C-alpha atoms as a PDB file:
ATOM      1  CA  MET A   1       0.058  -0.044  -0.133  1.00  0.00           C
ATOM      2  CA  VAL A   2       2.703   2.432   1.084  1.00  0.00           C
ATOM      3  CA  GLU A   3       4.842   1.426  -1.870  1.00  0.00           C
ATOM      4  CA  LYS A   4       2.100   1.995  -4.248  1.00  0.00           C
ATOM      5  CA  LEU A   5       1.550   5.577  -2.856  1.00  0.00           C
ATOM      6  CA  LEU A   6       5.417   6.266  -3.040  1.00  0.00           C
ATOM      7  CA  SER A   7       5.399   4.969  -6.616  1.00  0.00           C
ATOM      8  CA  GLY A   8       2.515   6.976  -7.736  1.00  0.00           C
ATOM      9  CA  TYR A   9       2.979   9.771 -10.186  1.00  0.00           C
ATOM     10  CA  ILE A  10       2.649  13.096  -8.383  1.00  0.00           C
ATOM     11  CA  LYS A  11       0.332  14.800 -10.721  1.00  0.00           C
ATOM     12  CA  GLU A  12      -2.056  12.092 -10.676  1.00  0.00           C
ATOM     13  CA  ILE A  13      -1.962  12.035  -6.849  1.00  0.00           C
ATOM     14  CA  ILE A  14      -2.744  15.653  -6.700  1.00  0.00           C
ATOM     15  CA  ASP A  15      -5.362  15.528  -9.277  1.00  0.00           C
ATOM     16  CA  GLU A  16      -7.251  12.885  -7.275  1.00  0.00           C
ATOM     17  CA  TYR A  17      -6.320  14.428  -3.784  1.00  0.00           C
ATOM     18  CA  PRO A  18      -5.944  18.268  -4.213  1.00  0.00           C
ATOM     19  CA  GLU A  19      -4.996  18.549  -0.544  1.00  0.00           C
ATOM     20  CA  VAL A  20      -1.777  16.726  -1.275  1.00  0.00           C
ATOM     21  CA  GLY A  21      -0.650  19.759  -3.249  1.00  0.00           C
ATOM     22  CA  LYS A  22      -1.392  22.071  -0.468  1.00  0.00           C
ATOM     23  CA  VAL A  23       0.993  19.794   1.895  1.00  0.00           C
ATOM     24  CA  LEU A  24       3.719  19.907  -0.577  1.00  0.00           C
ATOM     25  CA  GLU A  25       3.488  23.799  -1.066  1.00  0.00           C
ATOM     26  CA  GLU A  26       3.715  24.122   2.743  1.00  0.00           C
ATOM     27  CA  TYR A  27       7.293  22.869   2.288  1.00  0.00           C
ATOM     28  CA  ALA A  28       8.055  24.856  -0.759  1.00  0.00           C
ATOM     29  CA  ILE A  29       7.680  21.804  -3.125  1.00  0.00           C
ATOM     30  CA  GLY A  30       5.974  23.333  -6.239  1.00  0.00           C
ATOM     31  CA  CYS A  31       4.535  20.262  -7.822  1.00  0.00           C
ATOM     32  CA  VAL A  32       1.081  21.965  -8.280  1.00  0.00           C
ATOM     33  CA  THR A  33       2.538  24.451 -10.721  1.00  0.00           C
ATOM     34  CA  CYS A  34       4.776  22.180 -12.388  1.00  0.00           C
ATOM     35  CA  ASN A  35       3.597  21.634 -15.991  1.00  0.00           C
ATOM     36  CA  VAL A  36       5.242  18.276 -16.511  1.00  0.00           C
ATOM     37  CA  GLY A  37       4.455  16.314 -13.368  1.00  0.00           C
ATOM     38  CA  THR A  38       5.660  12.664 -14.173  1.00  0.00           C
ATOM     39  CA  CYS A  39       7.902  12.496 -10.926  1.00  0.00           C
ATOM     40  CA  LEU A  40       7.106   9.728  -8.684  1.00  0.00           C
ATOM     41  CA  LEU A  41       6.160  10.769  -5.036  1.00  0.00           C
ATOM     42  CA  LYS A  42       9.512   9.027  -3.769  1.00  0.00           C
ATOM     43  CA  ASP A  43      11.492  11.040  -6.278  1.00  0.00           C
ATOM     44  CA  ILE A  44       9.934  14.387  -5.073  1.00  0.00           C
ATOM     45  CA  ILE A  45      11.283  13.646  -1.561  1.00  0.00           C
ATOM     46  CA  GLU A  46      14.769  12.537  -3.003  1.00  0.00           C
ATOM     47  CA  ILE A  47      15.045  15.508  -5.124  1.00  0.00           C
ATOM     48  CA  HIS A  48      13.835  18.281  -2.796  1.00  0.00           C
ATOM     49  CA  ASN A  49      15.634  16.821   0.145  1.00  0.00           C
ATOM     50  CA  PRO A  50      13.765  17.889   3.114  1.00  0.00           C
ATOM     51  CA  SER A  51      14.944  17.186   6.556  1.00  0.00           C
ATOM     52  CA  GLU A  52      14.171  13.594   7.977  1.00  0.00           C
ATOM     53  CA  ASP A  53      11.747  15.163  10.481  1.00  0.00           C
ATOM     54  CA  ASP A  54      10.072  17.179   7.594  1.00  0.00           C
ATOM     55  CA  GLU A  55      10.002  14.071   5.383  1.00  0.00           C
ATOM     56  CA  GLN A  56       8.054  12.072   8.020  1.00  0.00           C
ATOM     57  CA  ILE A  57       5.495  15.052   8.624  1.00  0.00           C
ATOM     58  CA  ILE A  58       4.982  15.259   4.840  1.00  0.00           C
ATOM     59  CA  MET A  59       4.522  11.589   4.197  1.00  0.00           C
ATOM     60  CA  ALA A  60       2.298  11.166   7.256  1.00  0.00           C
ATOM     61  CA  LYS A  61       0.053  14.071   6.194  1.00  0.00           C
ATOM     62  CA  ILE A  62      -0.150  12.725   2.484  1.00  0.00           C
ATOM     63  CA  ALA A  63      -0.929   9.214   3.940  1.00  0.00           C
ATOM     64  CA  ASN A  64      -3.647  10.591   6.118  1.00  0.00           C
ATOM     65  CA  ILE A  65      -5.211  12.303   3.111  1.00  0.00           C
ATOM     66  CA  VAL A  66      -4.985   9.264   0.782  1.00  0.00           C
ATOM     67  CA  TYR A  67      -5.969   6.643   3.505  1.00  0.00           C
ATOM     68  CA  PRO A  68      -7.832   8.622   5.910  1.00  0.00           C
ATOM     69  CA  GLU A  69      -9.463   5.473   7.711  1.00  0.00           C
ATOM     70  CA  ARG A  70      -6.128   3.652   8.119  1.00  0.00           C
ATOM     71  CA  GLU A  71      -3.092   4.014  10.237  1.00  0.00           C
ATOM     72  CA  ILE A  72      -0.135   3.909   7.840  1.00  0.00           C
ATOM     73  CA  GLU A  73       3.622   3.277   8.932  1.00  0.00           C
ATOM     74  CA  ILE A  74       5.733   5.511   6.767  1.00  0.00           C
ATOM     75  CA  PRO A  75       9.165   4.096   5.898  1.00  0.00           C
ATOM     76  CA  LYS A  76      12.037   6.500   5.479  1.00  0.00           C
ATOM     77  CA  ILE A  77      12.793   6.950   1.897  1.00  0.00           C
ATOM     78  CA  ARG A  78      16.481   6.190   1.101  1.00  0.00           C
ATOM     79  CA  ARG A  79      18.370   9.002  -0.196  1.00  0.00           C
ATOM     80  CA  LYS A  80      21.997   9.685  -1.312  1.00  0.00           C
ATOM     81  CA  MET A  81      23.337  12.115   1.155  1.00  0.00           C
ATOM     82  CA  LYS A  82      26.524  14.236   1.198  1.00  0.00           C
ATOM     83  CA  PRO A  83      28.649  14.575   4.268  1.00  0.00           C
ATOM     84  CA  ALA A  84      28.266  17.330   6.882  1.00  0.00           C
ATOM     85  CA  GLY A  85      29.866  20.570   5.759  1.00  0.00           C
ATOM     86  CA  TYR A  86      29.095  19.699   2.002  1.00  0.00           C
ATOM     87  CA  SER A  87      29.799  22.351  -0.474  1.00  0.00           C
ATOM     88  CA  PHE A  88      29.161  22.280  -4.265  1.00  0.00           C
ATOM     89  CA  SER A  89      31.418  20.217  -6.430  1.00  0.00           C
ATOM     90  CA  PRO A  90      33.927  22.183  -8.640  1.00  0.00           C
ATOM     91  CA  PRO A  91      31.650  22.137 -11.762  1.00  0.00           C
ATOM     92  CA  MET A  92      28.510  23.185  -9.885  1.00  0.00           C
ATOM     93  CA  LYS A  93      30.598  26.038  -8.467  1.00  0.00           C
ATOM     94  CA  ILE A  94      31.464  27.032 -11.881  1.00  0.00           C
ATOM     95  CA  LEU A  95      27.653  27.336 -12.700  1.00  0.00           C
ATOM     96  CA  VAL A  96      26.738  28.966  -9.610  1.00  0.00           C
ATOM     97  CA  GLY A  97      29.348  31.664 -10.213  1.00  0.00           C
ATOM     98  CA  GLU A  98      27.907  32.211 -13.608  1.00  0.00           C
ATOM     99  CA  HIS A  99      24.424  32.574 -12.115  1.00  0.00           C
ATOM    100  CA  MET A 100      25.762  35.438  -9.957  1.00  0.00           C
ATOM    101  CA  PHE A 101      26.572  37.531 -13.297  1.00  0.00           C
ATOM    102  CA  ILE A 102      23.173  36.565 -14.653  1.00  0.00           C
ATOM    103  CA  LYS A 103      21.400  37.723 -11.589  1.00  0.00           C
ATOM    104  CA  ARG A 104      23.391  40.801 -11.578  1.00  0.00           C
ATOM    105  CA  LEU A 105      22.106  41.769 -15.141  1.00  0.00           C
ATOM    106  CA  ILE A 106      18.546  40.721 -13.996  1.00  0.00           C
ATOM    107  CA  THR A 107      18.779  43.136 -11.122  1.00  0.00           C
ATOM    108  CA  LEU A 108      19.644  45.871 -13.512  1.00  0.00           C
ATOM    109  CA  ILE A 109      16.727  45.328 -15.884  1.00  0.00           C
ATOM    110  CA  PRO A 110      14.509  48.026 -14.133  1.00  0.00           C
ATOM    111  CA  THR A 111      17.324  50.500 -14.618  1.00  0.00           C
ATOM    112  CA  LEU A 112      17.788  49.581 -18.266  1.00  0.00           C
ATOM    113  CA  CYS A 113      14.046  49.981 -19.049  1.00  0.00           C
ATOM    114  CA  GLU A 114      14.107  53.306 -17.270  1.00  0.00           C
ATOM    115  CA  GLU A 115      16.836  54.411 -19.422  1.00  0.00           C
ATOM    116  CA  LEU A 116      15.004  53.158 -22.572  1.00  0.00           C
ATOM    117  CA  ALA A 117      12.126  55.487 -21.665  1.00  0.00           C
ATOM    118  CA  LYS A 118      14.198  58.450 -20.730  1.00  0.00           C
ATOM    119  CA  ASN A 119      16.867  58.286 -23.328  1.00  0.00           C
ATOM    120  CA  PRO A 120      15.872  55.854 -26.085  1.00  0.00           C
ATOM    121  CA  LYS A 121      18.988  56.001 -28.114  1.00  0.00           C
ATOM    122  CA  ASN A 122      21.306  55.091 -25.217  1.00  0.00           C
ATOM    123  CA  GLY A 123      18.702  52.714 -23.827  1.00  0.00           C
ATOM    124  CA  LYS A 124      18.239  50.792 -27.135  1.00  0.00           C
ATOM    125  CA  ALA A 125      22.089  50.418 -27.351  1.00  0.00           C
ATOM    126  CA  LEU A 126      22.266  49.065 -23.789  1.00  0.00           C
ATOM    127  CA  ALA A 127      19.206  46.735 -24.495  1.00  0.00           C
ATOM    128  CA  ARG A 128      21.084  45.275 -27.513  1.00  0.00           C
ATOM    129  CA  LYS A 129      24.117  44.706 -25.477  1.00  0.00           C
ATOM    130  CA  SER A 130      22.149  43.008 -22.674  1.00  0.00           C
ATOM    131  CA  VAL A 131      20.450  40.905 -25.279  1.00  0.00           C
ATOM    132  CA  GLU A 132      24.118  39.859 -26.444  1.00  0.00           C
ATOM    133  CA  PHE A 133      24.965  39.015 -22.915  1.00  0.00           C
ATOM    134  CA  ILE A 134      21.898  36.845 -22.553  1.00  0.00           C
ATOM    135  CA  ARG A 135      22.545  35.113 -25.744  1.00  0.00           C
ATOM    136  CA  SER A 136      26.183  34.658 -25.652  1.00  0.00           C
ATOM    137  CA  TYR A 137      26.831  34.271 -22.006  1.00  0.00           C
ATOM    138  CA  ALA A 138      23.809  33.126 -20.351  1.00  0.00           C
ATOM    139  CA  ASP A 139      22.576  30.706 -23.067  1.00  0.00           C
ATOM    140  CA  LYS A 140      25.402  29.723 -25.451  1.00  0.00           C
ATOM    141  CA  PHE A 141      28.116  29.739 -22.588  1.00  0.00           C
ATOM    142  CA  HIS A 142      26.108  28.747 -19.392  1.00  0.00           C
ATOM    143  CA  HIS A 143      22.958  26.967 -20.512  1.00  0.00           C
ATOM    144  CA  ALA A 144      24.674  25.097 -23.319  1.00  0.00           C
ATOM    145  CA  LYS A 145      27.033  23.568 -20.467  1.00  0.00           C
ATOM    146  CA  GLU A 146      23.947  22.321 -18.680  1.00  0.00           C
ATOM    147  CA  GLU A 147      22.218  21.085 -21.557  1.00  0.00           C
ATOM    148  CA  GLU A 148      25.008  19.472 -23.613  1.00  0.00           C
ATOM    149  CA  ILE A 149      27.293  18.033 -20.767  1.00  0.00           C
ATOM    150  CA  LEU A 150      25.671  18.068 -17.300  1.00  0.00           C
ATOM    151  CA  PHE A 151      22.249  17.065 -17.953  1.00  0.00           C
ATOM    152  CA  ARG A 152      23.475  14.227 -20.269  1.00  0.00           C
ATOM    153  CA  TYR A 153      24.834  12.351 -17.333  1.00  0.00           C
ATOM    154  CA  PHE A 154      21.133  11.735 -16.127  1.00  0.00           C
ATOM    155  CA  ASP A 155      17.898  10.529 -17.519  1.00  0.00           C
ATOM    156  CA  GLU A 156      16.631  13.589 -19.580  1.00  0.00           C
ATOM    157  CA  ASN A 157      13.187  12.319 -19.213  1.00  0.00           C
ATOM    158  CA  LEU A 158      13.235  13.283 -15.579  1.00  0.00           C
ATOM    159  CA  ASP A 159      10.580  15.962 -14.637  1.00  0.00           C
ATOM    160  CA  ILE A 160      13.081  18.264 -13.207  1.00  0.00           C
ATOM    161  CA  LEU A 161      15.310  18.283 -16.317  1.00  0.00           C
ATOM    162  CA  LYS A 162      12.323  18.596 -18.603  1.00  0.00           C
ATOM    163  CA  VAL A 163      11.248  21.672 -16.633  1.00  0.00           C
ATOM    164  CA  MET A 164      14.835  23.147 -16.934  1.00  0.00           C
ATOM    165  CA  HIS A 165      14.938  22.619 -20.729  1.00  0.00           C
ATOM    166  CA  GLU A 166      11.468  24.082 -20.943  1.00  0.00           C
ATOM    167  CA  GLU A 167      12.313  27.149 -19.155  1.00  0.00           C
ATOM    168  CA  HIS A 168      15.393  27.702 -21.065  1.00  0.00           C
ATOM    169  CA  GLU A 169      13.130  27.686 -24.203  1.00  0.00           C
ATOM    170  CA  ILE A 170      10.721  30.094 -22.849  1.00  0.00           C
ATOM    171  CA  GLY A 171      13.583  32.408 -21.913  1.00  0.00           C
ATOM    172  CA  ARG A 172      14.813  32.160 -25.528  1.00  0.00           C
ATOM    173  CA  GLY A 173      11.318  33.106 -26.703  1.00  0.00           C
ATOM    174  CA  TYR A 174      11.301  36.101 -24.540  1.00  0.00           C
ATOM    175  CA  VAL A 175      14.714  37.308 -25.891  1.00  0.00           C
ATOM    176  CA  ARG A 176      13.393  36.836 -29.447  1.00  0.00           C
ATOM    177  CA  CYS A 177      10.414  39.020 -28.631  1.00  0.00           C
ATOM    178  CA  ILE A 178      12.847  41.592 -27.221  1.00  0.00           C
ATOM    179  CA  VAL A 179      14.906  41.835 -30.550  1.00  0.00           C
ATOM    180  CA  ASP A 180      11.755  41.853 -32.474  1.00  0.00           C
ATOM    181  CA  SER A 181      10.295  44.852 -30.406  1.00  0.00           C
ATOM    182  CA  LEU A 182      13.552  46.735 -30.522  1.00  0.00           C
ATOM    183  CA  GLU A 183      13.490  46.500 -34.340  1.00  0.00           C
ATOM    184  CA  LYS A 184       9.935  48.236 -34.237  1.00  0.00           C
ATOM    185  CA  ASP A 185      11.087  50.698 -31.668  1.00  0.00           C
ATOM    186  CA  ASP A 186       8.198  49.355 -29.387  1.00  0.00           C
ATOM    187  CA  TYR A 187       9.963  50.118 -26.046  1.00  0.00           C
ATOM    188  CA  LYS A 188       6.893  49.264 -24.065  1.00  0.00           C
ATOM    189  CA  ALA A 189       7.055  45.738 -25.442  1.00  0.00           C
ATOM    190  CA  VAL A 190      10.806  45.600 -24.749  1.00  0.00           C
ATOM    191  CA  THR A 191      10.232  46.441 -21.274  1.00  0.00           C
ATOM    192  CA  GLU A 192       7.582  43.986 -20.821  1.00  0.00           C
ATOM    193  CA  HIS A 193       9.537  41.113 -22.269  1.00  0.00           C
ATOM    194  CA  PHE A 194      12.769  41.967 -20.271  1.00  0.00           C
ATOM    195  CA  LYS A 195      10.768  42.018 -17.103  1.00  0.00           C
ATOM    196  CA  ARG A 196       9.233  38.598 -17.971  1.00  0.00           C
ATOM    197  CA  TYR A 197      12.585  37.105 -18.806  1.00  0.00           C
ATOM    198  CA  GLY A 198      14.090  38.461 -15.338  1.00  0.00           C
ATOM    199  CA  GLU A 199      10.973  37.016 -13.362  1.00  0.00           C
ATOM    200  CA  LEU A 200      11.552  33.634 -15.179  1.00  0.00           C
ATOM    201  CA  LEU A 201      15.263  33.370 -14.658  1.00  0.00           C
ATOM    202  CA  THR A 202      15.046  34.487 -11.219  1.00  0.00           C
ATOM    203  CA  GLU A 203      12.957  31.531 -10.183  1.00  0.00           C
ATOM    204  CA  HIS A 204      14.837  29.252 -12.570  1.00  0.00           C
ATOM    205  CA  ILE A 205      18.198  30.015 -11.033  1.00  0.00           C
ATOM    206  CA  LYS A 206      16.673  29.692  -7.495  1.00  0.00           C
ATOM    207  CA  LYS A 207      15.449  26.092  -8.536  1.00  0.00           C
ATOM    208  CA  GLU A 208      18.828  25.275  -9.967  1.00  0.00           C
ATOM    209  CA  ASP A 209      20.798  26.449  -7.123  1.00  0.00           C
ATOM    210  CA  GLU A 210      18.706  25.238  -4.267  1.00  0.00           C
ATOM    211  CA  ILE A 211      17.139  21.961  -5.684  1.00  0.00           C
ATOM    212  CA  LEU A 212      18.609  20.736  -9.061  1.00  0.00           C
ATOM    213  CA  TYR A 213      22.295  21.160  -8.472  1.00  0.00           C
ATOM    214  CA  PRO A 214      22.430  19.784  -4.864  1.00  0.00           C
ATOM    215  CA  TRP A 215      20.515  16.639  -6.280  1.00  0.00           C
ATOM    216  CA  LEU A 216      22.728  16.317  -9.226  1.00  0.00           C
ATOM    217  CA  ASP A 217      25.873  16.470  -6.993  1.00  0.00           C
ATOM    218  CA  ARG A 218      24.414  13.825  -4.758  1.00  0.00           C
ATOM    219  CA  ASN A 219      24.068  11.504  -7.677  1.00  0.00           C
ATOM    220  CA  LEU A 220      27.305  12.159  -9.467  1.00  0.00           C
ATOM    221  CA  THR A 221      30.328   9.930  -9.005  1.00  0.00           C
ATOM    222  CA  THR A 222      33.724  11.282  -8.099  1.00  0.00           C
ATOM    223  CA  ARG A 223      34.835  10.221 -11.750  1.00  0.00           C
ATOM    224  CA  GLN A 224      31.860  11.768 -13.354  1.00  0.00           C
ATOM    225  CA  VAL A 225      32.539  15.221 -11.292  1.00  0.00           C
ATOM    226  CA  GLY A 226      36.050  15.128 -12.667  1.00  0.00           C
ATOM    227  CA  GLU A 227      34.827  14.485 -16.243  1.00  0.00           C
ATOM    228  CA  ILE A 228      32.405  17.218 -16.101  1.00  0.00           C
ATOM    229  CA  PHE A 229      34.859  19.667 -14.623  1.00  0.00           C
ATOM    230  CA  ARG A 230      37.236  18.804 -17.463  1.00  0.00           C
ATOM    231  CA  LYS A 231      34.459  19.396 -20.124  1.00  0.00           C
ATOM    232  CA  PHE A 232      33.634  22.695 -18.677  1.00  0.00           C
ATOM    233  CA  GLN A 233      37.232  23.747 -18.810  1.00  0.00           C
ATOM    234  CA  GLU A 234      37.188  22.853 -22.517  1.00  0.00           C
ATOM    235  CA  VAL A 235      34.180  24.986 -23.078  1.00  0.00           C
ATOM    236  CA  LYS A 236      35.883  27.976 -21.253  1.00  0.00           C
ATOM    237  CA  GLU A 237      38.930  27.539 -23.653  1.00  0.00           C
ATOM    238  CA  GLN A 238      36.751  27.558 -26.779  1.00  0.00           C
ATOM    239  CA  PHE A 239      35.022  30.866 -25.686  1.00  0.00           C
ATOM    240  CA  GLY A 240      38.382  32.364 -24.978  1.00  0.00           C
ATOM    241  CA  ASP A 241      37.927  36.145 -23.700  1.00  0.00           C
ATOM    242  CA  SER A 242      34.214  36.356 -24.556  1.00  0.00           C
ATOM    243  CA  PRO A 243      32.730  35.365 -21.110  1.00  0.00           C
ATOM    244  CA  LYS A 244      35.102  37.865 -19.303  1.00  0.00           C
ATOM    245  CA  ILE A 245      34.055  40.635 -21.853  1.00  0.00           C
ATOM    246  CA  HIS A 246      30.316  39.833 -21.055  1.00  0.00           C
ATOM    247  CA  GLU A 247      30.999  39.958 -17.221  1.00  0.00           C
ATOM    248  CA  ASP A 248      32.889  43.085 -17.539  1.00  0.00           C
ATOM    249  CA  PHE A 249      29.872  44.660 -19.365  1.00  0.00           C
ATOM    250  CA  VAL A 250      27.614  44.002 -16.190  1.00  0.00           C
ATOM    251  CA  CYS A 251      30.176  45.461 -13.888  1.00  0.00           C
ATOM    252  CA  SER A 252      30.363  48.602 -16.082  1.00  0.00           C
ATOM    253  CA  ILE A 253      26.565  49.013 -16.217  1.00  0.00           C
ATOM    254  CA  GLU A 254      26.525  48.717 -12.466  1.00  0.00           C
ATOM    255  CA  LEU A 255      29.228  51.324 -12.051  1.00  0.00           C
ATOM    256  CA  SER A 256      27.422  53.773 -14.400  1.00  0.00           C
ATOM    257  CA  SER A 257      24.238  53.052 -12.730  1.00  0.00           C
ATOM    258  CA  ARG A 258      25.753  53.916  -9.154  1.00  0.00           C
ATOM    259  CA  GLN A 259      27.428  56.946 -10.463  1.00  0.00           C
ATOM    260  CA  GLY A 260      24.433  58.274 -12.579  1.00  0.00           C
ATOM    261  CA  GLN A 261      21.544  57.425 -10.265  1.00  0.00           C
ATOM    262  CA  ASN A 262      20.146  60.977 -10.446  1.00  0.00           C
ATOM    263  CA  GLY A 263      20.770  61.426 -14.161  1.00  0.00           C
ATOM    264  CA  GLY A 264      20.537  58.103 -16.045  1.00  0.00           C
ATOM    265  CA  ILE A 265      23.143  55.551 -16.861  1.00  0.00           C
END
């Protein structure tokens, strides 16, 4: 009975028992809003990695919803754990470091949009350079390492990886809309699509840093970590000075923004 529950597809469980979704949301497990939903319940616990106490509470609440008339003994779900004091493996640290620059650009989006409204010529130039950063740094340099290297060490039919791929594509769609709107000098649309991109990537990065990367790390062997790190270094060599140039662009916009807060960028 319990094994059947643990091996059930989470979306099917939530569809039949909506209260289960509310329990998961209490613990910041966003299965209700996930648009894929083929994870098993036991996979959800393993991926999101709540504390052992929270795991027992979550499972007890779910069991009570699904089997209200029965007293169910909930076994602990076996999970791969990292030792105390764990920090990200070297390849994950690389990706998290790149996230920092992407988040810093996202933080500048309101400033860029204000500049576009006040000084269209300068704002348009900054918007184009920001698009170049997104396409060259965030997508070709960063996302490509995830899609073409890291994710391929896992079953890409996993829900969490499907979601990551899908969000990458949604982000690329927003960027295409930004470019199209810039060509039409439709600055209102440019602003709207920039904001949507920023909102998407903010949540996307949070999921990767807090859920996906720790779970991937727990399931990679030492040999695989070494292989991925080597492949990441090869990508870095292929891109040469380009990533540093894009990182410097973000730094320069931050500096200009601080210096000209009362008079534009």
